[in-house]
Amino acid sequence: MLYISEQAKEKVEALREKSGLGDAFFIRVSVVGGGCSGLSYDLDFDSEPKPMDQVFEDKGVKLVTDLRSFLYLCDTTLDFSGGLNGKGFHFVNPNAARSCACGESFAV
């Protein structure tokens, strides 16, 4: 399962409204190679599901990931912080053995 915090849900809804994206658009979360710890997160709006996608819904927000990425993302929560220290989306990933200082990449 993938989860979303209340703060991230509110930010996603605000971004969707500001961009004029309808309910057909969902959040695509994936893991790509790169970053100082080896793996990085990728987050975007999408409207076209792929055949092997894993689809989850939490707090009324649809979160979609490919099967390979799900192996790294299982039980991860998408969160959002509006504070001065690290403003933006971030992932609370119980599978990450370590992450870099900026929090943008991780390793398992």
PDB file of N, CA and C in Angstrom:
ATOM      1  N   MET A   1       0.843  -1.182   0.000  1.00  0.00           N
ATOM      2  CA  MET A   1       0.000   0.000   0.000  1.00  0.00           C
ATOM      3  C   MET A   1       0.885   1.241   0.000  1.00  0.00           C
ATOM      4  N   LEU A   2       0.445   2.286  -0.676  1.00  0.00           N
ATOM      5  CA  LEU A   2       1.054   3.609  -0.601  1.00  0.00           C
ATOM      6  C   LEU A   2       0.077   4.523   0.124  1.00  0.00           C
ATOM      7  N   TYR A   3       0.612   5.446   0.904  1.00  0.00           N
ATOM      8  CA  TYR A   3      -0.210   6.340   1.711  1.00  0.00           C
ATOM      9  C   TYR A   3       0.128   7.793   1.409  1.00  0.00           C
ATOM     10  N   ILE A   4      -0.772   8.688   1.802  1.00  0.00           N
ATOM     11  CA  ILE A   4      -0.542  10.120   1.660  1.00  0.00           C
ATOM     12  C   ILE A   4      -0.971  10.797   2.956  1.00  0.00           C
ATOM     13  N   SER A   5      -0.160  11.733   3.419  1.00  0.00           N
ATOM     14  CA  SER A   5      -0.509  12.457   4.642  1.00  0.00           C
ATOM     15  C   SER A   5      -1.570  13.510   4.317  1.00  0.00           C
ATOM     16  N   GLU A   6      -2.207  14.017   5.342  1.00  0.00           N
ATOM     17  CA  GLU A   6      -3.223  15.049   5.156  1.00  0.00           C
ATOM     18  C   GLU A   6      -2.607  16.312   4.533  1.00  0.00           C
ATOM     19  N   GLN A   7      -1.396  16.683   4.955  1.00  0.00           N
ATOM     20  CA  GLN A   7      -0.733  17.865   4.405  1.00  0.00           C
ATOM     21  C   GLN A   7      -0.429  17.679   2.917  1.00  0.00           C
ATOM     22  N   ALA A   8       0.041  16.496   2.535  1.00  0.00           N
ATOM     23  CA  ALA A   8       0.343  16.224   1.131  1.00  0.00           C
ATOM     24  C   ALA A   8      -0.938  16.201   0.306  1.00  0.00           C
ATOM     25  N   LYS A   9      -2.006  15.639   0.859  1.00  0.00           N
ATOM     26  CA  LYS A   9      -3.292  15.614   0.161  1.00  0.00           C
ATOM     27  C   LYS A   9      -3.755  17.033  -0.155  1.00  0.00           C
ATOM     28  N   GLU A  10      -3.676  17.921   0.835  1.00  0.00           N
ATOM     29  CA  GLU A  10      -4.097  19.309   0.628  1.00  0.00           C
ATOM     30  C   GLU A  10      -3.258  19.994  -0.441  1.00  0.00           C
ATOM     31  N   LYS A  11      -1.950  19.752  -0.444  1.00  0.00           N
ATOM     32  CA  LYS A  11      -1.066  20.363  -1.445  1.00  0.00           C
ATOM     33  C   LYS A  11      -1.341  19.802  -2.833  1.00  0.00           C
ATOM     34  N   VAL A  12      -1.563  18.492  -2.943  1.00  0.00           N
ATOM     35  CA  VAL A  12      -1.884  17.867  -4.228  1.00  0.00           C
ATOM     36  C   VAL A  12      -3.170  18.464  -4.790  1.00  0.00           C
ATOM     37  N   GLU A  13      -4.190  18.596  -3.948  1.00  0.00           N
ATOM     38  CA  GLU A  13      -5.459  19.165  -4.402  1.00  0.00           C
ATOM     39  C   GLU A  13      -5.288  20.610  -4.855  1.00  0.00           C
ATOM     40  N   ALA A  14      -4.479  21.395  -4.140  1.00  0.00           N
ATOM     41  CA  ALA A  14      -4.225  22.784  -4.519  1.00  0.00           C
ATOM     42  C   ALA A  14      -3.475  22.855  -5.852  1.00  0.00           C
ATOM     43  N   LEU A  15      -2.467  22.000  -6.046  1.00  0.00           N
ATOM     44  CA  LEU A  15      -1.717  21.977  -7.301  1.00  0.00           C
ATOM     45  C   LEU A  15      -2.591  21.536  -8.470  1.00  0.00           C
ATOM     46  N   ARG A  16      -3.435  20.556  -8.222  1.00  0.00           N
ATOM     47  CA  ARG A  16      -4.330  20.069  -9.272  1.00  0.00           C
ATOM     48  C   ARG A  16      -5.296  21.176  -9.703  1.00  0.00           C
ATOM     49  N   GLU A  17      -5.838  21.889  -8.725  1.00  0.00           N
ATOM     50  CA  GLU A  17      -6.772  22.973  -9.027  1.00  0.00           C
ATOM     51  C   GLU A  17      -6.059  24.121  -9.747  1.00  0.00           C
ATOM     52  N   LYS A  18      -4.874  24.501  -9.272  1.00  0.00           N
ATOM     53  CA  LYS A  18      -4.112  25.596  -9.872  1.00  0.00           C
ATOM     54  C   LYS A  18      -3.736  25.285 -11.318  1.00  0.00           C
ATOM     55  N   SER A  19      -3.438  24.016 -11.596  1.00  0.00           N
ATOM     56  CA  SER A  19      -3.034  23.602 -12.941  1.00  0.00           C
ATOM     57  C   SER A  19      -4.215  23.286 -13.842  1.00  0.00           C
ATOM     58  N   GLY A  20      -5.414  23.278 -13.279  1.00  0.00           N
ATOM     59  CA  GLY A  20      -6.600  22.963 -14.072  1.00  0.00           C
ATOM     60  C   GLY A  20      -6.726  21.494 -14.425  1.00  0.00           C
ATOM     61  N   LEU A  21      -6.130  20.638 -13.610  1.00  0.00           N
ATOM     62  CA  LEU A  21      -6.192  19.197 -13.855  1.00  0.00           C
ATOM     63  C   LEU A  21      -7.433  18.627 -13.189  1.00  0.00           C
ATOM     64  N   GLY A  22      -8.161  17.807 -13.900  1.00  0.00           N
ATOM     65  CA  GLY A  22      -9.379  17.209 -13.364  1.00  0.00           C
ATOM     66  C   GLY A  22      -9.091  15.961 -12.546  1.00  0.00           C
ATOM     67  N   ASP A  23     -10.161  15.308 -12.136  1.00  0.00           N
ATOM     68  CA  ASP A  23     -10.050  14.101 -11.322  1.00  0.00           C
ATOM     69  C   ASP A  23      -9.464  12.918 -12.077  1.00  0.00           C
ATOM     70  N   ALA A  24      -9.370  13.013 -13.403  1.00  0.00           N
ATOM     71  CA  ALA A  24      -8.785  11.922 -14.182  1.00  0.00           C
ATOM     72  C   ALA A  24      -7.278  11.820 -13.948  1.00  0.00           C
ATOM     73  N   PHE A  25      -6.674  12.871 -13.402  1.00  0.00           N
ATOM     74  CA  PHE A  25      -5.237  12.866 -13.149  1.00  0.00           C
ATOM     75  C   PHE A  25      -4.955  12.295 -11.772  1.00  0.00           C
ATOM     76  N   PHE A  26      -3.966  11.430 -11.706  1.00  0.00           N
ATOM     77  CA  PHE A  26      -3.560  10.810 -10.453  1.00  0.00           C
ATOM     78  C   PHE A  26      -2.089  11.122 -10.204  1.00  0.00           C
ATOM     79  N   ILE A  27      -1.606  10.755  -9.029  1.00  0.00           N
ATOM     80  CA  ILE A  27      -0.199  10.954  -8.673  1.00  0.00           C
ATOM     81  C   ILE A  27       0.575   9.697  -9.061  1.00  0.00           C
ATOM     82  N   ARG A  28       1.584   9.875  -9.918  1.00  0.00           N
ATOM     83  CA  ARG A  28       2.466   8.758 -10.268  1.00  0.00           C
ATOM     84  C   ARG A  28       3.751   8.907  -9.456  1.00  0.00           C
ATOM     85  N   VAL A  29       4.063   7.855  -8.705  1.00  0.00           N
ATOM     86  CA  VAL A  29       5.267   7.810  -7.884  1.00  0.00           C
ATOM     87  C   VAL A  29       6.155   6.705  -8.431  1.00  0.00           C
ATOM     88  N   SER A  30       7.424   7.007  -8.622  1.00  0.00           N
ATOM     89  CA  SER A  30       8.331   5.966  -9.095  1.00  0.00           C
ATOM     90  C   SER A  30       9.706   6.147  -8.478  1.00  0.00           C
ATOM     91  N   VAL A  31      10.497   5.114  -8.604  1.00  0.00           N
ATOM     92  CA  VAL A  31      11.873   5.109  -8.125  1.00  0.00           C
ATOM     93  C   VAL A  31      12.774   4.970  -9.338  1.00  0.00           C
ATOM     94  N   VAL A  32      13.764   5.856  -9.426  1.00  0.00           N
ATOM     95  CA  VAL A  32      14.711   5.831 -10.539  1.00  0.00           C
ATOM     96  C   VAL A  32      16.123   5.789  -9.978  1.00  0.00           C
ATOM     97  N   GLY A  33      17.044   5.284 -10.766  1.00  0.00           N
ATOM     98  CA  GLY A  33      18.433   5.262 -10.352  1.00  0.00           C
ATOM     99  C   GLY A  33      19.005   6.668 -10.346  1.00  0.00           C
ATOM    100  N   GLY A  34      19.852   6.954  -9.368  1.00  0.00           N
ATOM    101  CA  GLY A  34      20.501   8.261  -9.308  1.00  0.00           C
ATOM    102  C   GLY A  34      20.532   8.813  -7.904  1.00  0.00           C
ATOM    103  N   GLY A  35      21.076   9.992  -7.784  1.00  0.00           N
ATOM    104  CA  GLY A  35      21.200  10.618  -6.476  1.00  0.00           C
ATOM    105  C   GLY A  35      22.416  10.092  -5.750  1.00  0.00           C
ATOM    106  N   CYS A  36      22.779  10.753  -4.675  1.00  0.00           N
ATOM    107  CA  CYS A  36      24.008  10.383  -3.974  1.00  0.00           C
ATOM    108  C   CYS A  36      23.882   9.079  -3.189  1.00  0.00           C
ATOM    109  N   SER A  37      22.658   8.586  -2.961  1.00  0.00           N
ATOM    110  CA  SER A  37      22.492   7.303  -2.256  1.00  0.00           C
ATOM    111  C   SER A  37      22.137   6.161  -3.192  1.00  0.00           C
ATOM    112  N   GLY A  38      21.954   6.442  -4.481  1.00  0.00           N
ATOM    113  CA  GLY A  38      21.734   5.380  -5.457  1.00  0.00           C
ATOM    114  C   GLY A  38      20.355   5.330  -6.072  1.00  0.00           C
ATOM    115  N   LEU A  39      19.307   5.691  -5.331  1.00  0.00           N
ATOM    116  CA  LEU A  39      17.935   5.664  -5.837  1.00  0.00           C
ATOM    117  C   LEU A  39      17.261   6.987  -5.509  1.00  0.00           C
ATOM    118  N   SER A  40      16.442   7.477  -6.431  1.00  0.00           N
ATOM    119  CA  SER A  40      15.720   8.729  -6.228  1.00  0.00           C
ATOM    120  C   SER A  40      14.239   8.526  -6.491  1.00  0.00           C
ATOM    121  N   TYR A  41      13.442   9.392  -5.882  1.00  0.00           N
ATOM    122  CA  TYR A  41      12.000   9.370  -6.090  1.00  0.00           C
ATOM    123  C   TYR A  41      11.632  10.279  -7.253  1.00  0.00           C
ATOM    124  N   ASP A  42      10.583   9.900  -7.971  1.00  0.00           N
ATOM    125  CA  ASP A  42      10.032  10.737  -9.024  1.00  0.00           C
ATOM    126  C   ASP A  42       8.535  10.852  -8.767  1.00  0.00           C
ATOM    127  N   LEU A  43       8.003  12.048  -8.872  1.00  0.00           N
ATOM    128  CA  LEU A  43       6.615  12.333  -8.526  1.00  0.00           C
ATOM    129  C   LEU A  43       6.040  13.254  -9.581  1.00  0.00           C
ATOM    130  N   ASP A  44       4.864  12.894 -10.138  1.00  0.00           N
ATOM    131  CA  ASP A  44       4.256  13.707 -11.178  1.00  0.00           C
ATOM    132  C   ASP A  44       2.777  13.387 -11.289  1.00  0.00           C
ATOM    133  N   PHE A  45       2.039  14.274 -11.947  1.00  0.00           N
ATOM    134  CA  PHE A  45       0.653  13.978 -12.302  1.00  0.00           C
ATOM    135  C   PHE A  45       0.653  13.170 -13.587  1.00  0.00           C
ATOM    136  N   ASP A  46      -0.287  12.250 -13.711  1.00  0.00           N
ATOM    137  CA  ASP A  46      -0.418  11.422 -14.912  1.00  0.00           C
ATOM    138  C   ASP A  46      -1.894  11.091 -15.079  1.00  0.00           C
ATOM    139  N   SER A  47      -2.274  10.753 -16.296  1.00  0.00           N
ATOM    140  CA  SER A  47      -3.668  10.378 -16.546  1.00  0.00           C
ATOM    141  C   SER A  47      -3.793   9.083 -17.328  1.00  0.00           C
ATOM    142  N   GLU A  48      -2.647   8.468 -17.651  1.00  0.00           N
ATOM    143  CA  GLU A  48      -2.668   7.248 -18.449  1.00  0.00           C
ATOM    144  C   GLU A  48      -2.051   6.081 -17.674  1.00  0.00           C
ATOM    145  N   PRO A  49      -2.899   5.179 -17.164  1.00  0.00           N
ATOM    146  CA  PRO A  49      -2.369   3.999 -16.476  1.00  0.00           C
ATOM    147  C   PRO A  49      -1.619   3.086 -17.441  1.00  0.00           C
ATOM    148  N   LYS A  50      -0.637   2.391 -16.917  1.00  0.00           N
ATOM    149  CA  LYS A  50       0.136   1.425 -17.703  1.00  0.00           C
ATOM    150  C   LYS A  50      -0.276   0.024 -17.272  1.00  0.00           C
ATOM    151  N   PRO A  51      -0.047  -0.983 -18.118  1.00  0.00           N
ATOM    152  CA  PRO A  51      -0.549  -2.335 -17.842  1.00  0.00           C
ATOM    153  C   PRO A  51      -0.146  -2.935 -16.493  1.00  0.00           C
ATOM    154  N   MET A  52       1.070  -2.726 -16.029  1.00  0.00           N
ATOM    155  CA  MET A  52       1.534  -3.363 -14.795  1.00  0.00           C
ATOM    156  C   MET A  52       1.492  -2.412 -13.590  1.00  0.00           C
ATOM    157  N   ASP A  53       0.762  -1.318 -13.687  1.00  0.00           N
ATOM    158  CA  ASP A  53       0.683  -0.360 -12.586  1.00  0.00           C
ATOM    159  C   ASP A  53       0.013  -0.958 -11.360  1.00  0.00           C
ATOM    160  N   GLN A  54       0.495  -0.522 -10.212  1.00  0.00           N
ATOM    161  CA  GLN A  54      -0.115  -0.841  -8.925  1.00  0.00           C
ATOM    162  C   GLN A  54      -0.870   0.419  -8.511  1.00  0.00           C
ATOM    163  N   VAL A  55      -2.156   0.295  -8.237  1.00  0.00           N
ATOM    164  CA  VAL A  55      -3.007   1.453  -7.964  1.00  0.00           C
ATOM    165  C   VAL A  55      -3.509   1.391  -6.525  1.00  0.00           C
ATOM    166  N   PHE A  56      -3.350   2.507  -5.814  1.00  0.00           N
ATOM    167  CA  PHE A  56      -3.781   2.622  -4.425  1.00  0.00           C
ATOM    168  C   PHE A  56      -4.563   3.914  -4.266  1.00  0.00           C
ATOM    169  N   GLU A  57      -5.445   3.944  -3.296  1.00  0.00           N
ATOM    170  CA  GLU A  57      -6.163   5.168  -2.998  1.00  0.00           C
ATOM    171  C   GLU A  57      -6.157   5.375  -1.490  1.00  0.00           C
ATOM    172  N   ASP A  58      -5.756   6.575  -1.086  1.00  0.00           N
ATOM    173  CA  ASP A  58      -5.721   6.931   0.328  1.00  0.00           C
ATOM    174  C   ASP A  58      -6.233   8.356   0.471  1.00  0.00           C
ATOM    175  N   LYS A  59      -7.159   8.556   1.379  1.00  0.00           N
ATOM    176  CA  LYS A  59      -7.751   9.867   1.636  1.00  0.00           C
ATOM    177  C   LYS A  59      -8.335  10.496   0.373  1.00  0.00           C
ATOM    178  N   GLY A  60      -8.826   9.654  -0.529  1.00  0.00           N
ATOM    179  CA  GLY A  60      -9.441  10.145  -1.757  1.00  0.00           C
ATOM    180  C   GLY A  60      -8.466  10.506  -2.861  1.00  0.00           C
ATOM    181  N   VAL A  61      -7.172  10.231  -2.665  1.00  0.00           N
ATOM    182  CA  VAL A  61      -6.150  10.532  -3.672  1.00  0.00           C
ATOM    183  C   VAL A  61      -5.641   9.220  -4.250  1.00  0.00           C
ATOM    184  N   LYS A  62      -5.637   9.129  -5.572  1.00  0.00           N
ATOM    185  CA  LYS A  62      -5.145   7.927  -6.241  1.00  0.00           C
ATOM    186  C   LYS A  62      -3.637   8.047  -6.430  1.00  0.00           C
ATOM    187  N   LEU A  63      -2.917   7.035  -5.919  1.00  0.00           N
ATOM    188  CA  LEU A  63      -1.464   6.946  -6.038  1.00  0.00           C
ATOM    189  C   LEU A  63      -1.144   5.720  -6.888  1.00  0.00           C
ATOM    190  N   VAL A  64      -0.336   5.918  -7.924  1.00  0.00           N
ATOM    191  CA  VAL A  64      -0.030   4.854  -8.869  1.00  0.00           C
ATOM    192  C   VAL A  64       1.483   4.703  -8.986  1.00  0.00           C
ATOM    193  N   THR A  65       1.938   3.465  -9.048  1.00  0.00           N
ATOM    194  CA  THR A  65       3.358   3.190  -9.230  1.00  0.00           C
ATOM    195  C   THR A  65       3.528   1.955 -10.100  1.00  0.00           C
ATOM    196  N   ASP A  66       4.663   1.860 -10.758  1.00  0.00           N
ATOM    197  CA  ASP A  66       4.945   0.653 -11.529  1.00  0.00           C
ATOM    198  C   ASP A  66       5.375  -0.452 -10.573  1.00  0.00           C
ATOM    199  N   LEU A  67       5.310  -1.666 -11.034  1.00  0.00           N
ATOM    200  CA  LEU A  67       5.588  -2.818 -10.179  1.00  0.00           C
ATOM    201  C   LEU A  67       7.005  -2.808  -9.621  1.00  0.00           C
ATOM    202  N   ARG A  68       7.999  -2.457 -10.438  1.00  0.00           N
ATOM    203  CA  ARG A  68       9.392  -2.432  -9.973  1.00  0.00           C
ATOM    204  C   ARG A  68       9.565  -1.408  -8.854  1.00  0.00           C
ATOM    205  N   SER A  69       8.990  -0.220  -9.041  1.00  0.00           N
ATOM    206  CA  SER A  69       9.106   0.822  -8.014  1.00  0.00           C
ATOM    207  C   SER A  69       8.394   0.421  -6.733  1.00  0.00           C
ATOM    208  N   PHE A  70       7.280  -0.295  -6.863  1.00  0.00           N
ATOM    209  CA  PHE A  70       6.528  -0.690  -5.681  1.00  0.00           C
ATOM    210  C   PHE A  70       7.359  -1.555  -4.740  1.00  0.00           C
ATOM    211  N   LEU A  71       8.296  -2.320  -5.289  1.00  0.00           N
ATOM    212  CA  LEU A  71       9.165  -3.146  -4.441  1.00  0.00           C
ATOM    213  C   LEU A  71       9.958  -2.280  -3.461  1.00  0.00           C
ATOM    214  N   TYR A  72      10.270  -1.046  -3.854  1.00  0.00           N
ATOM    215  CA  TYR A  72      10.991  -0.116  -2.982  1.00  0.00           C
ATOM    216  C   TYR A  72      10.048   0.771  -2.161  1.00  0.00           C
ATOM    217  N   LEU A  73       8.803   0.910  -2.612  1.00  0.00           N
ATOM    218  CA  LEU A  73       7.876   1.879  -2.028  1.00  0.00           C
ATOM    219  C   LEU A  73       6.806   1.287  -1.112  1.00  0.00           C
ATOM    220  N   CYS A  74       6.758  -0.013  -0.963  1.00  0.00           N
ATOM    221  CA  CYS A  74       5.721  -0.647  -0.160  1.00  0.00           C
ATOM    222  C   CYS A  74       5.644  -0.003   1.230  1.00  0.00           C
ATOM    223  N   ASP A  75       4.440   0.423   1.625  1.00  0.00           N
ATOM    224  CA  ASP A  75       4.159   1.059   2.919  1.00  0.00           C
ATOM    225  C   ASP A  75       4.777   2.448   3.080  1.00  0.00           C
ATOM    226  N   THR A  76       5.111   3.098   1.979  1.00  0.00           N
ATOM    227  CA  THR A  76       5.669   4.448   2.006  1.00  0.00           C
ATOM    228  C   THR A  76       4.541   5.475   2.067  1.00  0.00           C
ATOM    229  N   THR A  77       4.797   6.582   2.769  1.00  0.00           N
ATOM    230  CA  THR A  77       3.844   7.683   2.868  1.00  0.00           C
ATOM    231  C   THR A  77       4.411   8.913   2.175  1.00  0.00           C
ATOM    232  N   LEU A  78       3.621   9.495   1.283  1.00  0.00           N
ATOM    233  CA  LEU A  78       3.966  10.770   0.668  1.00  0.00           C
ATOM    234  C   LEU A  78       3.545  11.859   1.640  1.00  0.00           C
ATOM    235  N   ASP A  79       4.484  12.724   2.007  1.00  0.00           N
ATOM    236  CA  ASP A  79       4.208  13.780   2.978  1.00  0.00           C
ATOM    237  C   ASP A  79       4.591  15.120   2.367  1.00  0.00           C
ATOM    238  N   PHE A  80       4.168  16.198   3.016  1.00  0.00           N
ATOM    239  CA  PHE A  80       4.498  17.542   2.571  1.00  0.00           C
ATOM    240  C   PHE A  80       4.810  18.396   3.779  1.00  0.00           C
ATOM    241  N   SER A  81       5.875  19.171   3.667  1.00  0.00           N
ATOM    242  CA  SER A  81       6.245  20.089   4.737  1.00  0.00           C
ATOM    243  C   SER A  81       6.322  21.496   4.165  1.00  0.00           C
ATOM    244  N   GLY A  82       5.669  22.430   4.829  1.00  0.00           N
ATOM    245  CA  GLY A  82       5.695  23.813   4.381  1.00  0.00           C
ATOM    246  C   GLY A  82       6.644  24.668   5.185  1.00  0.00           C
ATOM    247  N   GLY A  83       7.429  24.064   6.066  1.00  0.00           N
ATOM    248  CA  GLY A  83       8.327  24.815   6.937  1.00  0.00           C
ATOM    249  C   GLY A  83       9.585  25.278   6.230  1.00  0.00           C
ATOM    250  N   LEU A  84      10.369  26.066   6.921  1.00  0.00           N
ATOM    251  CA  LEU A  84      11.611  26.595   6.355  1.00  0.00           C
ATOM    252  C   LEU A  84      12.675  25.518   6.166  1.00  0.00           C
ATOM    253  N   ASN A  85      12.638  24.487   6.998  1.00  0.00           N
ATOM    254  CA  ASN A  85      13.620  23.403   6.883  1.00  0.00           C
ATOM    255  C   ASN A  85      13.068  22.285   6.023  1.00  0.00           C
ATOM    256  N   GLY A  86      13.313  22.322   4.728  1.00  0.00           N
ATOM    257  CA  GLY A  86      12.898  21.247   3.850  1.00  0.00           C
ATOM    258  C   GLY A  86      11.500  21.383   3.312  1.00  0.00           C
ATOM    259  N   LYS A  87      11.138  22.536   2.818  1.00  0.00           N
ATOM    260  CA  LYS A  87       9.806  22.747   2.265  1.00  0.00           C
ATOM    261  C   LYS A  87       9.612  21.897   1.016  1.00  0.00           C
ATOM    262  N   GLY A  88       8.466  21.212   0.939  1.00  0.00           N
ATOM    263  CA  GLY A  88       8.138  20.442  -0.247  1.00  0.00           C
ATOM    264  C   GLY A  88       7.690  19.028   0.082  1.00  0.00           C
ATOM    265  N   PHE A  89       7.494  18.241  -0.970  1.00  0.00           N
ATOM    266  CA  PHE A  89       7.102  16.844  -0.808  1.00  0.00           C
ATOM    267  C   PHE A  89       8.308  16.029  -0.376  1.00  0.00           C
ATOM    268  N   HIS A  90       8.063  15.042   0.462  1.00  0.00           N
ATOM    269  CA  HIS A  90       9.092  14.080   0.824  1.00  0.00           C
ATOM    270  C   HIS A  90       8.419  12.742   1.134  1.00  0.00           C
ATOM    271  N   PHE A  91       9.219  11.700   1.177  1.00  0.00           N
ATOM    272  CA  PHE A  91       8.712  10.351   1.355  1.00  0.00           C
ATOM    273  C   PHE A  91       9.167   9.790   2.698  1.00  0.00           C
ATOM    274  N   VAL A  92       8.237   9.177   3.400  1.00  0.00           N
ATOM    275  CA  VAL A  92       8.551   8.453   4.637  1.00  0.00           C
ATOM    276  C   VAL A  92       8.537   6.983   4.235  1.00  0.00           C
ATOM    277  N   ASN A  93       9.733   6.455   4.007  1.00  0.00           N
ATOM    278  CA  ASN A  93       9.883   5.122   3.435  1.00  0.00           C
ATOM    279  C   ASN A  93      10.519   4.177   4.454  1.00  0.00           C
ATOM    280  N   PRO A  94       9.738   3.230   5.001  1.00  0.00           N
ATOM    281  CA  PRO A  94      10.293   2.296   5.980  1.00  0.00           C
ATOM    282  C   PRO A  94      11.278   1.305   5.370  1.00  0.00           C
ATOM    283  N   ASN A  95      11.359   1.225   4.054  1.00  0.00           N
ATOM    284  CA  ASN A  95      12.258   0.296   3.384  1.00  0.00           C
ATOM    285  C   ASN A  95      13.651   0.874   3.168  1.00  0.00           C
ATOM    286  N   ALA A  96      13.800   2.181   3.326  1.00  0.00           N
ATOM    287  CA  ALA A  96      15.088   2.834   3.078  1.00  0.00           C
ATOM    288  C   ALA A  96      16.051   2.555   4.226  1.00  0.00           C
ATOM    289  N   ALA A  97      17.182   1.952   3.902  1.00  0.00           N
ATOM    290  CA  ALA A  97      18.199   1.669   4.908  1.00  0.00           C
ATOM    291  C   ALA A  97      18.971   2.934   5.261  1.00  0.00           C
ATOM    292  N   ARG A  98      19.150   3.811   4.279  1.00  0.00           N
ATOM    293  CA  ARG A  98      19.806   5.092   4.518  1.00  0.00           C
ATOM    294  C   ARG A  98      19.346   6.064   3.438  1.00  0.00           C
ATOM    295  N   SER A  99      19.484   7.351   3.732  1.00  0.00           N
ATOM    296  CA  SER A  99      19.165   8.380   2.750  1.00  0.00           C
ATOM    297  C   SER A  99      20.226   9.462   2.824  1.00  0.00           C
ATOM    298  N   CYS A 100      20.291  10.265   1.791  1.00  0.00           N
ATOM    299  CA  CYS A 100      21.288  11.333   1.778  1.00  0.00           C
ATOM    300  C   CYS A 100      20.824  12.472   2.690  1.00  0.00           C
ATOM    301  N   ALA A 101      21.683  13.411   2.936  1.00  0.00           N
ATOM    302  CA  ALA A 101      21.382  14.516   3.850  1.00  0.00           C
ATOM    303  C   ALA A 101      20.219  15.371   3.356  1.00  0.00           C
ATOM    304  N   CYS A 102      20.084  15.517   2.040  1.00  0.00           N
ATOM    305  CA  CYS A 102      18.997  16.353   1.515  1.00  0.00           C
ATOM    306  C   CYS A 102      17.672  15.579   1.459  1.00  0.00           C
ATOM    307  N   GLY A 103      17.706  14.253   1.619  1.00  0.00           N
ATOM    308  CA  GLY A 103      16.490  13.459   1.641  1.00  0.00           C
ATOM    309  C   GLY A 103      15.912  13.146   0.278  1.00  0.00           C
ATOM    310  N   GLU A 104      16.651  13.446  -0.795  1.00  0.00           N
ATOM    311  CA  GLU A 104      16.118  13.239  -2.131  1.00  0.00           C
ATOM    312  C   GLU A 104      16.485  11.888  -2.724  1.00  0.00           C
ATOM    313  N   SER A 105      17.408  11.174  -2.104  1.00  0.00           N
ATOM    314  CA  SER A 105      17.756   9.851  -2.596  1.00  0.00           C
ATOM    315  C   SER A 105      17.917   8.904  -1.410  1.00  0.00           C
ATOM    316  N   PHE A 106      17.879   7.604  -1.710  1.00  0.00           N
ATOM    317  CA  PHE A 106      17.936   6.609  -0.644  1.00  0.00           C
ATOM    318  C   PHE A 106      18.553   5.323  -1.151  1.00  0.00           C
ATOM    319  N   ALA A 107      18.806   4.411  -0.241  1.00  0.00           N
ATOM    320  CA  ALA A 107      19.321   3.082  -0.578  1.00  0.00           C
ATOM    321  C   ALA A 107      18.582   2.070   0.285  1.00  0.00           C
ATOM    322  N   VAL A 108      18.465   0.851  -0.216  1.00  0.00           N
ATOM    323  CA  VAL A 108      17.815  -0.221   0.540  1.00  0.00           C
ATOM    324  C   VAL A 108      18.809  -1.297   0.903  1.00  0.00           C
TER     325      VAL A 108
END
